[in-house]
Amino acid sequence: MAKVLNKRFFDRDTVEVARDLLGKVLCRRLPSGKIIRSRLTETEAYDGFEDQASHAHKGATTRNVVMFGPPGHSYIYLCYGVHWMLNLTTREEGYPAAVLLRGVEATEGPGRLTKHFHVDSALNNSLLTRVAGLWVEDDGFVADAARVEAAPRIGVDYAGPRWAAVPWRFTLGA
C-alpha cells in the first residue's frame, strides 16, 4: 500500500528531496472525486537566500512567502501570466526552499503538469495531504541510480553563470 509522504520527508536538504522525489507518485483528487496519479520524472531544486535563481533570494514577498513556511506545502505561482508552476516546500520554517515539479510520466513540462493535474492558485500553501486534495505517495518504487540524471536548471540564465550551471535538475531516464 502506498504511503503519503509527510513533513519529515520534505524537512531535509532541498537537493536531496528533489532527487528523492523521482519515482514518487503525484496525486490529485478533483472536486468530482476522481483521483489522478502519475510518477514524477523531473524535478528542480531552489534553495535559500544565496540561490540567485530562487524567487526568495531577495527576501519574502507576497508571491514567495510560502517558500519561507514549513516544509511539505505547495507553492504555486503563475509564470509569464500563462502557466501555473507547482513547487513543494522543503527545509525548516524561515529558510526559503522548494522543489519545482517539472514532469511526470507522459507529461513533460511544469505548465503541462499543472494543467494535467488541474492545479492553480487555489491550492497555494496547501499542506500536502489527501484531505487537501494534493499529495505525494511512495508506492515502493525505487529509482535506479543509473537512471537518474542531474543537469543544470532550465530558464535561469538571469541568475548568472554560477547559479545557472548548478546541476539541480533531476530526471528519471528510461
N, C-alpha and C. Protein backbone atom coordinates (compact mmCIF):
# COMPACT_ATOMS: atom_id res chain seq x y z
N MET A 1 0.84 -1.19 0.00
CA MET A 1 0.00 0.00 0.00
C MET A 1 0.88 1.25 0.00
N ALA A 2 0.50 2.23 -0.78
CA ALA A 2 1.28 3.46 -0.89
C ALA A 2 1.19 4.29 0.39
N LYS A 3 2.29 4.94 0.71
CA LYS A 3 2.37 5.77 1.91
C LYS A 3 2.46 7.23 1.48
N VAL A 4 1.66 8.10 2.08
CA VAL A 4 1.71 9.53 1.78
C VAL A 4 2.98 10.11 2.42
N LEU A 5 3.74 10.85 1.62
CA LEU A 5 4.94 11.49 2.16
C LEU A 5 4.52 12.60 3.11
N ASN A 6 5.17 12.64 4.27
CA ASN A 6 4.79 13.63 5.28
C ASN A 6 5.87 14.71 5.43
N LYS A 7 5.66 15.56 6.39
CA LYS A 7 6.56 16.69 6.64
C LYS A 7 8.01 16.23 6.81
N ARG A 8 8.22 15.10 7.45
CA ARG A 8 9.58 14.61 7.70
C ARG A 8 10.35 14.40 6.38
N PHE A 9 9.67 13.90 5.35
CA PHE A 9 10.32 13.70 4.05
C PHE A 9 10.80 15.02 3.48
N PHE A 10 9.99 16.07 3.60
CA PHE A 10 10.31 17.37 3.00
C PHE A 10 11.22 18.23 3.87
N ASP A 11 11.34 17.92 5.15
CA ASP A 11 12.15 18.71 6.08
C ASP A 11 13.60 18.24 6.03
N ARG A 12 14.19 18.34 4.82
CA ARG A 12 15.57 17.90 4.59
C ARG A 12 16.20 18.80 3.55
N ASP A 13 17.44 18.52 3.23
CA ASP A 13 18.17 19.24 2.19
C ASP A 13 17.35 19.24 0.90
N THR A 14 17.18 20.41 0.30
CA THR A 14 16.33 20.58 -0.87
C THR A 14 16.80 19.76 -2.07
N VAL A 15 18.09 19.73 -2.31
CA VAL A 15 18.61 18.98 -3.45
C VAL A 15 18.36 17.49 -3.26
N GLU A 16 18.51 16.99 -2.04
CA GLU A 16 18.22 15.59 -1.76
C GLU A 16 16.74 15.28 -1.97
N VAL A 17 15.87 16.18 -1.52
CA VAL A 17 14.43 15.98 -1.70
C VAL A 17 14.10 15.95 -3.19
N ALA A 18 14.68 16.87 -3.97
CA ALA A 18 14.42 16.92 -5.41
C ALA A 18 14.79 15.60 -6.07
N ARG A 19 15.93 15.06 -5.70
CA ARG A 19 16.38 13.79 -6.27
C ARG A 19 15.49 12.65 -5.79
N ASP A 20 15.16 12.65 -4.50
CA ASP A 20 14.38 11.56 -3.91
C ASP A 20 12.91 11.57 -4.35
N LEU A 21 12.42 12.68 -4.87
CA LEU A 21 11.05 12.72 -5.38
C LEU A 21 10.89 11.94 -6.68
N LEU A 22 11.99 11.73 -7.40
CA LEU A 22 11.90 10.97 -8.65
C LEU A 22 11.36 9.57 -8.37
N GLY A 23 10.35 9.19 -9.12
CA GLY A 23 9.74 7.89 -8.94
C GLY A 23 8.58 7.87 -7.97
N LYS A 24 8.45 8.92 -7.16
CA LYS A 24 7.28 9.01 -6.27
C LYS A 24 6.06 9.35 -7.12
N VAL A 25 4.88 9.26 -6.55
CA VAL A 25 3.64 9.43 -7.30
C VAL A 25 2.91 10.69 -6.84
N LEU A 26 2.74 11.63 -7.78
CA LEU A 26 1.97 12.84 -7.50
C LEU A 26 0.50 12.49 -7.63
N CYS A 27 -0.29 12.93 -6.67
CA CYS A 27 -1.72 12.60 -6.63
C CYS A 27 -2.56 13.85 -6.45
N ARG A 28 -3.70 13.85 -7.13
CA ARG A 28 -4.62 15.00 -7.04
C ARG A 28 -6.05 14.46 -7.07
N ARG A 29 -6.82 14.83 -6.05
CA ARG A 29 -8.23 14.50 -6.03
C ARG A 29 -9.01 15.69 -6.56
N LEU A 30 -9.73 15.50 -7.63
CA LEU A 30 -10.53 16.55 -8.24
C LEU A 30 -11.83 16.75 -7.47
N PRO A 31 -12.49 17.89 -7.65
CA PRO A 31 -13.77 18.11 -6.97
C PRO A 31 -14.81 17.01 -7.25
N SER A 32 -14.71 16.37 -8.40
CA SER A 32 -15.62 15.28 -8.75
C SER A 32 -15.36 14.01 -7.95
N GLY A 33 -14.22 13.95 -7.27
CA GLY A 33 -13.82 12.76 -6.53
C GLY A 33 -12.81 11.90 -7.28
N LYS A 34 -12.67 12.13 -8.58
CA LYS A 34 -11.70 11.39 -9.38
C LYS A 34 -10.29 11.70 -8.87
N ILE A 35 -9.45 10.66 -8.82
CA ILE A 35 -8.06 10.85 -8.39
C ILE A 35 -7.14 10.61 -9.58
N ILE A 36 -6.24 11.57 -9.82
CA ILE A 36 -5.23 11.47 -10.87
C ILE A 36 -3.92 11.14 -10.18
N ARG A 37 -3.20 10.14 -10.70
CA ARG A 37 -1.90 9.75 -10.15
C ARG A 37 -0.91 9.59 -11.30
N SER A 38 0.32 10.05 -11.08
CA SER A 38 1.36 9.85 -12.08
C SER A 38 2.73 9.94 -11.41
N ARG A 39 3.66 9.12 -11.90
CA ARG A 39 5.01 9.04 -11.34
C ARG A 39 5.85 10.25 -11.74
N LEU A 40 6.52 10.85 -10.77
CA LEU A 40 7.38 12.02 -11.02
C LEU A 40 8.63 11.60 -11.77
N THR A 41 8.95 12.34 -12.84
CA THR A 41 10.11 12.03 -13.67
C THR A 41 11.10 13.18 -13.80
N GLU A 42 10.71 14.38 -13.33
CA GLU A 42 11.62 15.51 -13.44
C GLU A 42 11.32 16.53 -12.34
N THR A 43 12.38 16.97 -11.65
CA THR A 43 12.27 17.94 -10.57
C THR A 43 13.41 18.94 -10.67
N GLU A 44 13.28 20.03 -9.93
CA GLU A 44 14.31 21.08 -9.96
C GLU A 44 14.35 21.76 -8.59
N ALA A 45 15.52 21.86 -7.99
CA ALA A 45 15.67 22.41 -6.64
C ALA A 45 16.00 23.90 -6.67
N TYR A 46 15.40 24.63 -5.71
CA TYR A 46 15.68 26.05 -5.48
C TYR A 46 15.89 26.20 -3.99
N ASP A 47 17.11 26.65 -3.60
CA ASP A 47 17.49 26.53 -2.20
C ASP A 47 18.11 27.79 -1.61
N GLY A 48 17.34 28.49 -0.83
CA GLY A 48 17.86 29.53 0.04
C GLY A 48 18.10 30.90 -0.53
N PHE A 49 18.61 31.74 0.35
CA PHE A 49 18.84 33.15 0.04
C PHE A 49 19.95 33.36 -0.99
N GLU A 50 20.96 32.51 -0.99
CA GLU A 50 22.09 32.70 -1.90
C GLU A 50 21.80 32.26 -3.33
N ASP A 51 20.84 31.37 -3.51
CA ASP A 51 20.50 30.84 -4.82
C ASP A 51 19.86 31.95 -5.66
N GLN A 52 20.64 32.52 -6.56
CA GLN A 52 20.18 33.66 -7.36
C GLN A 52 19.04 33.29 -8.33
N ALA A 53 18.79 32.02 -8.55
CA ALA A 53 17.69 31.59 -9.40
C ALA A 53 16.39 31.42 -8.61
N SER A 54 16.48 31.48 -7.30
CA SER A 54 15.32 31.29 -6.44
C SER A 54 14.50 32.58 -6.33
N HIS A 55 13.19 32.44 -6.27
CA HIS A 55 12.32 33.61 -6.05
C HIS A 55 12.61 34.27 -4.72
N ALA A 56 13.18 33.54 -3.79
CA ALA A 56 13.36 34.03 -2.43
C ALA A 56 14.71 34.65 -2.15
N HIS A 57 15.60 34.73 -3.12
CA HIS A 57 16.95 35.20 -2.81
C HIS A 57 17.00 36.65 -2.35
N LYS A 58 15.97 37.43 -2.65
CA LYS A 58 15.95 38.84 -2.19
C LYS A 58 15.05 39.04 -0.98
N GLY A 59 14.49 37.95 -0.47
CA GLY A 59 13.63 38.05 0.71
C GLY A 59 12.19 37.72 0.39
N ALA A 60 11.37 37.77 1.44
CA ALA A 60 9.97 37.40 1.32
C ALA A 60 9.14 38.47 0.62
N THR A 61 8.23 38.02 -0.21
CA THR A 61 7.24 38.90 -0.88
C THR A 61 5.89 38.21 -0.75
N THR A 62 4.83 38.90 -1.17
CA THR A 62 3.52 38.26 -1.12
C THR A 62 3.48 37.04 -2.04
N ARG A 63 4.26 37.06 -3.11
CA ARG A 63 4.28 35.93 -4.05
C ARG A 63 4.99 34.71 -3.47
N ASN A 64 6.16 34.92 -2.86
CA ASN A 64 7.01 33.78 -2.48
C ASN A 64 6.97 33.42 -0.99
N VAL A 65 6.15 34.08 -0.21
CA VAL A 65 6.16 33.87 1.24
C VAL A 65 5.96 32.41 1.63
N VAL A 66 5.28 31.64 0.81
CA VAL A 66 5.08 30.21 1.11
C VAL A 66 6.42 29.48 1.19
N MET A 67 7.40 29.90 0.40
CA MET A 67 8.71 29.25 0.44
C MET A 67 9.38 29.37 1.81
N PHE A 68 9.00 30.36 2.59
CA PHE A 68 9.58 30.60 3.91
C PHE A 68 8.84 29.83 5.00
N GLY A 69 7.74 29.19 4.64
CA GLY A 69 6.92 28.49 5.61
C GLY A 69 7.44 27.09 5.90
N PRO A 70 6.60 26.30 6.53
CA PRO A 70 7.02 24.95 6.88
C PRO A 70 7.14 24.04 5.66
N PRO A 71 7.88 22.96 5.80
CA PRO A 71 8.05 22.02 4.69
C PRO A 71 6.76 21.23 4.43
N GLY A 72 6.67 20.72 3.18
CA GLY A 72 5.54 19.87 2.84
C GLY A 72 4.29 20.63 2.44
N HIS A 73 4.46 21.83 1.92
CA HIS A 73 3.34 22.63 1.42
C HIS A 73 3.53 22.91 -0.07
N SER A 74 2.45 23.25 -0.73
CA SER A 74 2.52 23.61 -2.15
C SER A 74 2.78 25.10 -2.28
N TYR A 75 3.71 25.44 -3.15
CA TYR A 75 3.98 26.83 -3.53
C TYR A 75 3.66 26.91 -5.01
N ILE A 76 2.60 27.65 -5.34
CA ILE A 76 2.11 27.72 -6.71
C ILE A 76 2.11 29.16 -7.17
N TYR A 77 2.69 29.40 -8.33
CA TYR A 77 2.71 30.75 -8.88
C TYR A 77 2.47 30.69 -10.38
N LEU A 78 2.07 31.84 -10.93
CA LEU A 78 1.80 31.95 -12.35
C LEU A 78 3.05 32.42 -13.07
N CYS A 79 3.45 31.72 -14.12
CA CYS A 79 4.65 32.04 -14.88
C CYS A 79 4.25 32.66 -16.22
N TYR A 80 4.82 33.80 -16.52
CA TYR A 80 4.55 34.51 -17.78
C TYR A 80 3.06 34.81 -17.97
N GLY A 81 2.30 34.82 -16.88
CA GLY A 81 0.88 35.09 -16.97
C GLY A 81 0.09 33.99 -17.65
N VAL A 82 0.70 32.82 -17.84
CA VAL A 82 0.07 31.75 -18.61
C VAL A 82 0.01 30.42 -17.85
N HIS A 83 1.14 29.96 -17.31
CA HIS A 83 1.25 28.61 -16.75
C HIS A 83 1.42 28.65 -15.23
N TRP A 84 0.65 27.81 -14.56
CA TRP A 84 0.86 27.63 -13.13
C TRP A 84 2.05 26.71 -12.92
N MET A 85 2.87 27.00 -11.92
CA MET A 85 4.03 26.19 -11.57
C MET A 85 3.80 25.63 -10.16
N LEU A 86 4.02 24.34 -10.01
CA LEU A 86 3.82 23.67 -8.72
C LEU A 86 5.17 23.33 -8.10
N ASN A 87 5.38 23.86 -6.92
CA ASN A 87 6.59 23.60 -6.13
C ASN A 87 6.17 23.01 -4.80
N LEU A 88 7.07 22.25 -4.18
CA LEU A 88 6.84 21.68 -2.86
C LEU A 88 7.90 22.21 -1.92
N THR A 89 7.48 22.79 -0.80
CA THR A 89 8.43 23.43 0.11
C THR A 89 9.24 22.39 0.87
N THR A 90 10.48 22.79 1.19
CA THR A 90 11.41 21.91 1.89
C THR A 90 12.07 22.69 3.02
N ARG A 91 12.84 21.98 3.80
CA ARG A 91 13.66 22.52 4.89
C ARG A 91 12.82 23.14 6.00
N GLU A 92 13.52 23.76 6.93
CA GLU A 92 12.87 24.29 8.12
C GLU A 92 12.15 25.62 7.84
N GLU A 93 11.16 25.91 8.64
CA GLU A 93 10.43 27.16 8.50
C GLU A 93 11.39 28.33 8.66
N GLY A 94 11.25 29.34 7.81
CA GLY A 94 12.12 30.51 7.83
C GLY A 94 13.22 30.44 6.79
N TYR A 95 13.53 29.24 6.29
CA TYR A 95 14.54 29.06 5.26
C TYR A 95 13.81 28.81 3.94
N PRO A 96 13.96 29.71 2.97
CA PRO A 96 13.19 29.60 1.73
C PRO A 96 13.75 28.56 0.76
N ALA A 97 12.98 27.50 0.56
CA ALA A 97 13.44 26.45 -0.35
C ALA A 97 12.24 25.66 -0.86
N ALA A 98 12.35 25.21 -2.11
CA ALA A 98 11.26 24.43 -2.70
C ALA A 98 11.79 23.65 -3.90
N VAL A 99 11.00 22.65 -4.29
CA VAL A 99 11.30 21.83 -5.46
C VAL A 99 10.20 22.05 -6.49
N LEU A 100 10.60 22.49 -7.67
CA LEU A 100 9.67 22.64 -8.78
C LEU A 100 9.44 21.27 -9.41
N LEU A 101 8.17 20.92 -9.59
CA LEU A 101 7.84 19.67 -10.27
C LEU A 101 7.75 19.97 -11.75
N ARG A 102 8.66 19.37 -12.55
CA ARG A 102 8.76 19.67 -13.97
C ARG A 102 8.12 18.62 -14.88
N GLY A 103 7.96 17.39 -14.38
CA GLY A 103 7.39 16.37 -15.25
C GLY A 103 6.96 15.12 -14.52
N VAL A 104 5.98 14.46 -15.11
CA VAL A 104 5.52 13.15 -14.67
C VAL A 104 5.48 12.25 -15.90
N GLU A 105 5.26 10.97 -15.72
CA GLU A 105 5.18 10.06 -16.86
C GLU A 105 4.17 10.57 -17.87
N ALA A 106 4.59 10.63 -19.11
CA ALA A 106 3.74 11.04 -20.26
C ALA A 106 3.35 12.52 -20.25
N THR A 107 3.89 13.31 -19.34
CA THR A 107 3.60 14.75 -19.32
C THR A 107 4.88 15.50 -18.98
N GLU A 108 5.48 16.13 -19.97
CA GLU A 108 6.72 16.88 -19.75
C GLU A 108 6.43 18.37 -19.70
N GLY A 109 7.11 19.06 -18.81
CA GLY A 109 6.99 20.50 -18.67
C GLY A 109 6.11 20.86 -17.50
N PRO A 110 6.56 21.82 -16.69
CA PRO A 110 5.81 22.17 -15.48
C PRO A 110 4.43 22.76 -15.75
N GLY A 111 4.26 23.49 -16.84
CA GLY A 111 2.95 24.04 -17.18
C GLY A 111 1.97 22.95 -17.59
N ARG A 112 2.46 21.98 -18.33
CA ARG A 112 1.60 20.85 -18.73
C ARG A 112 1.24 19.99 -17.52
N LEU A 113 2.20 19.84 -16.60
CA LEU A 113 1.95 19.08 -15.38
C LEU A 113 0.79 19.68 -14.60
N THR A 114 0.82 20.99 -14.35
CA THR A 114 -0.25 21.61 -13.58
C THR A 114 -1.58 21.56 -14.32
N LYS A 115 -1.54 21.67 -15.63
CA LYS A 115 -2.77 21.56 -16.41
C LYS A 115 -3.36 20.15 -16.28
N HIS A 116 -2.50 19.14 -16.41
CA HIS A 116 -2.93 17.74 -16.30
C HIS A 116 -3.57 17.46 -14.94
N PHE A 117 -2.98 18.04 -13.88
CA PHE A 117 -3.47 17.79 -12.52
C PHE A 117 -4.50 18.82 -12.04
N HIS A 118 -4.89 19.75 -12.90
CA HIS A 118 -5.88 20.78 -12.55
C HIS A 118 -5.42 21.56 -11.31
N VAL A 119 -4.18 22.00 -11.34
CA VAL A 119 -3.59 22.75 -10.23
C VAL A 119 -3.54 24.23 -10.60
N ASP A 120 -4.01 25.06 -9.68
CA ASP A 120 -3.90 26.51 -9.84
C ASP A 120 -3.71 27.14 -8.46
N SER A 121 -3.85 28.45 -8.38
CA SER A 121 -3.55 29.17 -7.14
C SER A 121 -4.45 28.79 -5.98
N ALA A 122 -5.58 28.16 -6.25
CA ALA A 122 -6.48 27.75 -5.16
C ALA A 122 -5.80 26.76 -4.22
N LEU A 123 -4.79 26.05 -4.71
CA LEU A 123 -4.07 25.08 -3.87
C LEU A 123 -2.79 25.64 -3.28
N ASN A 124 -2.49 26.93 -3.53
CA ASN A 124 -1.26 27.52 -2.99
C ASN A 124 -1.27 27.44 -1.46
N ASN A 125 -0.15 27.05 -0.91
CA ASN A 125 0.09 26.94 0.53
C ASN A 125 -0.76 25.85 1.19
N SER A 126 -1.13 24.85 0.42
CA SER A 126 -1.84 23.70 0.99
C SER A 126 -0.84 22.70 1.54
N LEU A 127 -1.15 22.15 2.70
CA LEU A 127 -0.37 21.05 3.23
C LEU A 127 -0.60 19.84 2.31
N LEU A 128 0.45 19.14 1.96
CA LEU A 128 0.35 18.03 1.02
C LEU A 128 -0.26 16.81 1.72
N THR A 129 -1.59 16.71 1.65
CA THR A 129 -2.33 15.63 2.29
C THR A 129 -3.49 15.20 1.41
N ARG A 130 -3.99 14.00 1.67
CA ARG A 130 -5.19 13.55 0.95
C ARG A 130 -6.36 14.49 1.22
N VAL A 131 -6.48 14.96 2.44
CA VAL A 131 -7.59 15.85 2.80
C VAL A 131 -7.56 17.11 1.95
N ALA A 132 -6.38 17.68 1.71
CA ALA A 132 -6.25 18.89 0.91
C ALA A 132 -6.48 18.63 -0.57
N GLY A 133 -6.34 17.38 -0.99
CA GLY A 133 -6.58 17.03 -2.39
C GLY A 133 -5.34 17.02 -3.27
N LEU A 134 -4.16 17.25 -2.67
CA LEU A 134 -2.90 17.22 -3.41
C LEU A 134 -1.86 16.60 -2.48
N TRP A 135 -1.22 15.50 -2.95
CA TRP A 135 -0.26 14.83 -2.10
C TRP A 135 0.72 14.02 -2.96
N VAL A 136 1.75 13.50 -2.30
CA VAL A 136 2.75 12.65 -2.97
C VAL A 136 2.81 11.34 -2.21
N GLU A 137 2.80 10.24 -2.99
CA GLU A 137 2.85 8.91 -2.39
C GLU A 137 4.16 8.19 -2.74
N ASP A 138 4.56 7.34 -1.81
CA ASP A 138 5.67 6.41 -2.04
C ASP A 138 5.03 5.03 -2.15
N ASP A 139 5.05 4.46 -3.36
CA ASP A 139 4.44 3.15 -3.59
C ASP A 139 5.49 2.04 -3.59
N GLY A 140 6.71 2.37 -3.13
CA GLY A 140 7.77 1.37 -3.05
C GLY A 140 8.70 1.33 -4.25
N PHE A 141 8.36 2.07 -5.30
CA PHE A 141 9.22 2.13 -6.47
C PHE A 141 10.55 2.79 -6.08
N VAL A 142 11.65 2.19 -6.50
CA VAL A 142 12.97 2.76 -6.23
C VAL A 142 13.59 3.18 -7.55
N ALA A 143 13.93 4.45 -7.65
CA ALA A 143 14.57 4.97 -8.86
C ALA A 143 16.01 4.48 -8.90
N ASP A 144 16.33 3.65 -9.87
CA ASP A 144 17.68 3.12 -10.04
C ASP A 144 18.64 4.29 -10.27
N ALA A 145 19.69 4.35 -9.49
CA ALA A 145 20.66 5.46 -9.58
C ALA A 145 21.20 5.63 -10.99
N ALA A 146 21.33 4.55 -11.74
CA ALA A 146 21.85 4.63 -13.11
C ALA A 146 20.88 5.34 -14.05
N ARG A 147 19.60 5.42 -13.66
CA ARG A 147 18.60 6.10 -14.49
C ARG A 147 18.42 7.57 -14.12
N VAL A 148 19.01 8.01 -13.02
CA VAL A 148 18.85 9.38 -12.56
C VAL A 148 19.95 10.26 -13.15
N GLU A 149 19.53 11.33 -13.79
CA GLU A 149 20.47 12.27 -14.37
C GLU A 149 20.33 13.62 -13.69
N ALA A 150 21.47 14.26 -13.42
CA ALA A 150 21.49 15.62 -12.86
C ALA A 150 22.00 16.55 -13.94
N ALA A 151 21.34 17.69 -14.09
CA ALA A 151 21.70 18.65 -15.14
C ALA A 151 21.40 20.06 -14.64
N PRO A 152 21.89 21.08 -15.34
CA PRO A 152 21.55 22.46 -14.95
C PRO A 152 20.05 22.72 -15.05
N ARG A 153 19.59 23.65 -14.23
CA ARG A 153 18.18 24.03 -14.26
C ARG A 153 17.86 24.75 -15.56
N ILE A 154 16.59 24.79 -15.90
CA ILE A 154 16.15 25.36 -17.17
C ILE A 154 15.62 26.78 -16.97
N GLY A 155 16.00 27.68 -17.87
CA GLY A 155 15.44 29.03 -17.88
C GLY A 155 15.89 29.94 -16.76
N VAL A 156 17.10 29.73 -16.23
CA VAL A 156 17.57 30.56 -15.13
C VAL A 156 18.88 31.29 -15.47
N ASP A 157 19.10 31.56 -16.73
CA ASP A 157 20.32 32.26 -17.14
C ASP A 157 20.46 33.62 -16.46
N TYR A 158 19.35 34.25 -16.10
CA TYR A 158 19.36 35.54 -15.41
C TYR A 158 20.10 35.47 -14.08
N ALA A 159 20.26 34.28 -13.52
CA ALA A 159 20.89 34.10 -12.22
C ALA A 159 22.41 34.16 -12.29
N GLY A 160 22.95 34.27 -13.48
CA GLY A 160 24.41 34.30 -13.65
C GLY A 160 24.96 32.91 -13.85
N PRO A 161 26.19 32.83 -14.38
CA PRO A 161 26.77 31.54 -14.75
C PRO A 161 26.87 30.53 -13.60
N ARG A 162 27.22 31.01 -12.42
CA ARG A 162 27.37 30.08 -11.29
C ARG A 162 26.05 29.38 -10.98
N TRP A 163 24.98 30.14 -10.83
CA TRP A 163 23.70 29.56 -10.43
C TRP A 163 22.96 28.90 -11.58
N ALA A 164 23.18 29.37 -12.78
CA ALA A 164 22.52 28.75 -13.94
C ALA A 164 23.10 27.36 -14.22
N ALA A 165 24.35 27.16 -13.86
CA ALA A 165 25.03 25.89 -14.17
C ALA A 165 24.89 24.83 -13.07
N VAL A 166 24.35 25.20 -11.93
CA VAL A 166 24.22 24.24 -10.83
C VAL A 166 23.36 23.06 -11.29
N PRO A 167 23.84 21.83 -11.13
CA PRO A 167 23.09 20.65 -11.61
C PRO A 167 22.00 20.21 -10.64
N TRP A 168 21.01 21.06 -10.47
CA TRP A 168 19.93 20.79 -9.53
C TRP A 168 18.62 20.41 -10.22
N ARG A 169 18.69 20.03 -11.49
CA ARG A 169 17.51 19.49 -12.18
C ARG A 169 17.75 17.99 -12.30
N PHE A 170 16.77 17.22 -11.89
CA PHE A 170 16.91 15.77 -11.88
C PHE A 170 15.84 15.14 -12.76
N THR A 171 16.28 14.18 -13.58
CA THR A 171 15.35 13.47 -14.45
C THR A 171 15.53 11.96 -14.24
N LEU A 172 14.42 11.26 -14.45
CA LEU A 172 14.42 9.81 -14.36
C LEU A 172 14.35 9.29 -15.77
N GLY A 173 15.48 8.81 -16.29
CA GLY A 173 15.56 8.32 -17.65
C GLY A 173 15.02 6.90 -17.80
N ALA A 174 14.95 6.47 -19.06
CA ALA A 174 14.42 5.13 -19.35
C ALA A 174 15.42 4.05 -19.03
